[in-house]
Amino acid sequence: MIWGNVKYIDHYKGISHALDVALDYLAAGDFKELENGKLDLEAGVFVKLLDQGLKNSRDWEAHKKYIDIHFPLEESELVTVMETALVPGWGEYDEAKERMKAPACEGGSTVTLHPGDFAVTFPEDAHMAGLTSGEEKTIRKVLVKVPV
């Protein structure tokens, strides 16, 4: 996992061309005027602008073909990450949704993403995004999907 802020986004470039495309988009973005939906970029990268409900608990999620970049726009969210191999109870991989899920369990590390912060989760990073330690509410966020 990478946890960073757009002010220092250049520190994370050079891992792959597709990840650079995604990071450049976040660094240049003015998302407040954009409507929710999907936007295709280059190199197989796509962006989802969405309203996500924050919850106190979620199932674990992991992907095989895509890296996720979580980027809250106006309010903070918590993201918990743990090595995929350490999470028990994985269900079958859903090819259509490009994910597998497992019930929430103890463990992992939690980071708080404030507006301007981002978390990059790789296939080895099981994650629970869209978490809150307080009142459940809805936030606006950008989710970037980067092919591995």
Protein backbone atom coordinates (compact mmCIF):
# COMPACT_ATOMS: atom_id res chain seq x y z
CA MET A 1 0.00 0.00 0.00
CA ILE A 2 1.02 3.58 -0.61
CA TRP A 3 -0.43 6.32 1.55
CA GLY A 4 0.38 9.83 0.42
CA ASN A 5 -0.78 13.33 -0.39
CA VAL A 6 -1.08 14.94 -3.81
CA LYS A 7 1.48 17.57 -2.76
CA TYR A 8 4.12 14.83 -2.94
CA ILE A 9 2.65 12.73 -5.73
CA ASP A 10 5.83 12.86 -7.84
CA HIS A 11 7.56 10.70 -5.19
CA TYR A 12 5.42 7.75 -6.28
CA LYS A 13 5.87 8.00 -10.03
CA GLY A 14 7.90 5.55 -12.07
CA ILE A 15 6.39 2.31 -10.77
CA SER A 16 4.40 1.84 -13.99
CA HIS A 17 3.12 3.97 -16.86
CA ALA A 18 -0.50 3.22 -15.93
CA LEU A 19 0.05 4.28 -12.31
CA ASP A 20 1.72 7.48 -13.54
CA VAL A 21 -1.38 8.23 -15.65
CA ALA A 22 -3.57 7.81 -12.57
CA LEU A 23 -1.33 9.91 -10.33
CA ASP A 24 -1.11 12.70 -12.93
CA TYR A 25 -4.90 12.74 -13.12
CA LEU A 26 -5.21 13.12 -9.35
CA ALA A 27 -2.56 15.83 -9.23
CA ALA A 28 -4.21 17.88 -11.98
CA GLY A 29 -7.82 17.20 -11.06
CA ASP A 30 -10.55 19.61 -10.20
CA PHE A 31 -13.28 17.13 -9.37
CA LYS A 32 -15.92 19.33 -7.76
CA GLU A 33 -17.68 20.14 -11.02
CA LEU A 34 -17.66 16.59 -12.38
CA GLU A 35 -20.71 14.39 -12.20
CA ASN A 36 -20.68 10.91 -10.73
CA GLY A 37 -19.83 8.19 -13.20
CA LYS A 38 -16.97 6.51 -15.02
CA LEU A 39 -14.25 8.24 -17.01
CA ASP A 40 -11.77 6.28 -19.14
CA LEU A 41 -8.20 7.56 -19.24
CA GLU A 42 -5.29 6.03 -21.17
CA ALA A 43 -3.35 2.81 -20.51
CA GLY A 44 -6.48 1.00 -19.30
CA VAL A 45 -6.89 3.34 -16.34
CA PHE A 46 -10.39 4.47 -15.43
CA VAL A 47 -11.86 6.74 -12.81
CA LYS A 48 -15.10 6.44 -10.87
CA LEU A 49 -16.53 9.54 -9.21
CA LEU A 50 -19.02 8.44 -6.61
CA ASP A 51 -20.89 9.15 -3.43
CA GLN A 52 -19.92 6.45 -0.95
CA GLY A 53 -21.61 5.74 2.33
CA LEU A 54 -19.13 5.48 5.18
CA LYS A 55 -19.78 2.57 7.53
CA ASN A 56 -18.33 1.39 10.83
CA SER A 57 -17.52 -2.02 9.35
CA ARG A 58 -17.26 -3.57 5.90
CA ASP A 59 -16.17 -6.82 4.30
CA TRP A 60 -12.59 -7.16 3.12
CA GLU A 61 -12.10 -6.72 -0.61
CA ALA A 62 -9.20 -7.60 -2.90
CA HIS A 63 -8.56 -7.51 -6.62
CA LYS A 64 -6.40 -9.49 -9.02
CA LYS A 65 -6.29 -7.32 -12.14
CA TYR A 66 -6.50 -3.77 -10.80
CA ILE A 67 -4.84 -1.49 -8.29
CA ASP A 68 -7.27 0.83 -6.45
CA ILE A 69 -6.54 4.44 -5.59
CA HIS A 70 -8.91 5.90 -2.97
CA PHE A 71 -9.13 9.70 -2.92
CA PRO A 72 -11.77 11.45 -0.77
CA LEU A 73 -12.77 14.89 -2.01
CA GLU A 74 -14.50 16.79 0.77
CA GLU A 75 -14.44 14.72 3.96
CA SER A 76 -12.20 12.08 5.51
CA GLU A 77 -12.53 8.32 5.29
CA LEU A 78 -10.72 5.46 6.97
CA VAL A 79 -9.09 2.65 4.99
CA THR A 80 -7.93 -0.54 6.68
CA VAL A 81 -5.40 -2.72 4.87
CA MET A 82 -4.00 -6.19 5.57
CA GLU A 83 -2.00 -8.63 3.48
CA THR A 84 -4.51 -10.55 1.36
CA ALA A 85 -2.97 -13.91 2.34
CA LEU A 86 -3.62 -13.19 6.04
CA VAL A 87 -7.36 -12.58 5.69
CA PRO A 88 -9.42 -15.73 6.38
CA GLY A 89 -12.63 -16.74 4.67
CA TRP A 90 -12.25 -15.45 1.13
CA GLY A 91 -15.20 -16.18 -1.13
CA GLU A 92 -14.91 -17.06 -4.79
CA TYR A 93 -13.31 -14.50 -7.09
CA ASP A 94 -16.05 -12.65 -9.01
CA GLU A 95 -14.65 -12.12 -12.52
CA ALA A 96 -17.43 -9.69 -13.55
CA LYS A 97 -16.87 -7.43 -10.53
CA GLU A 98 -13.10 -8.09 -10.51
CA ARG A 99 -13.01 -8.70 -6.78
CA MET A 100 -13.19 -11.21 -4.02
CA LYS A 101 -14.63 -10.59 -0.57
CA ALA A 102 -14.13 -11.92 2.93
CA PRO A 103 -15.97 -11.15 6.16
CA ALA A 104 -14.54 -8.43 8.39
CA CYS A 105 -12.08 -9.70 10.99
CA GLU A 106 -9.58 -8.29 13.44
CA GLY A 107 -6.24 -7.09 12.16
CA GLY A 108 -4.72 -4.82 9.62
CA SER A 109 -3.59 -1.22 9.74
CA THR A 110 -5.93 1.74 9.42
CA VAL A 111 -5.09 5.09 7.88
CA THR A 112 -7.20 8.24 7.77
CA LEU A 113 -7.49 9.80 4.34
CA HIS A 114 -8.20 13.52 4.48
CA PRO A 115 -9.03 15.50 1.33
CA GLY A 116 -5.79 15.59 -0.68
CA ASP A 117 -4.63 12.23 0.69
CA PHE A 118 -4.75 9.01 -1.30
CA ALA A 119 -4.28 5.30 -0.64
CA VAL A 120 -3.03 2.95 -3.35
CA THR A 121 -3.97 -0.68 -2.71
CA PHE A 122 -2.29 -3.42 -4.74
CA PRO A 123 -3.57 -7.00 -5.30
CA GLU A 124 -1.66 -8.16 -2.21
CA ASP A 125 -3.48 -5.52 -0.11
CA ALA A 126 -6.87 -6.63 1.16
CA HIS A 127 -8.72 -3.47 2.06
CA MET A 128 -11.80 -2.08 3.70
CA ALA A 129 -12.34 1.42 2.33
CA GLY A 130 -15.22 3.73 3.11
CA LEU A 131 -14.94 3.32 6.86
CA THR A 132 -15.69 5.77 9.65
CA SER A 133 -15.12 5.61 13.39
CA GLY A 134 -18.01 7.96 13.99
CA GLU A 135 -21.37 8.73 12.47
CA GLU A 136 -22.20 6.90 9.26
CA LYS A 137 -22.56 9.37 6.39
CA THR A 138 -21.99 9.75 2.67
CA ILE A 139 -18.89 11.32 1.15
CA ARG A 140 -17.85 12.19 -2.38
CA LYS A 141 -14.71 10.44 -3.56
CA VAL A 142 -12.65 9.45 -6.55
CA LEU A 143 -11.77 5.80 -7.07
CA VAL A 144 -9.13 5.18 -9.72
CA LYS A 145 -8.68 1.68 -11.15
CA VAL A 146 -5.21 0.96 -12.55
CA PRO A 147 -4.46 -2.27 -14.44
CA VAL A 148 -1.68 -4.34 -12.90
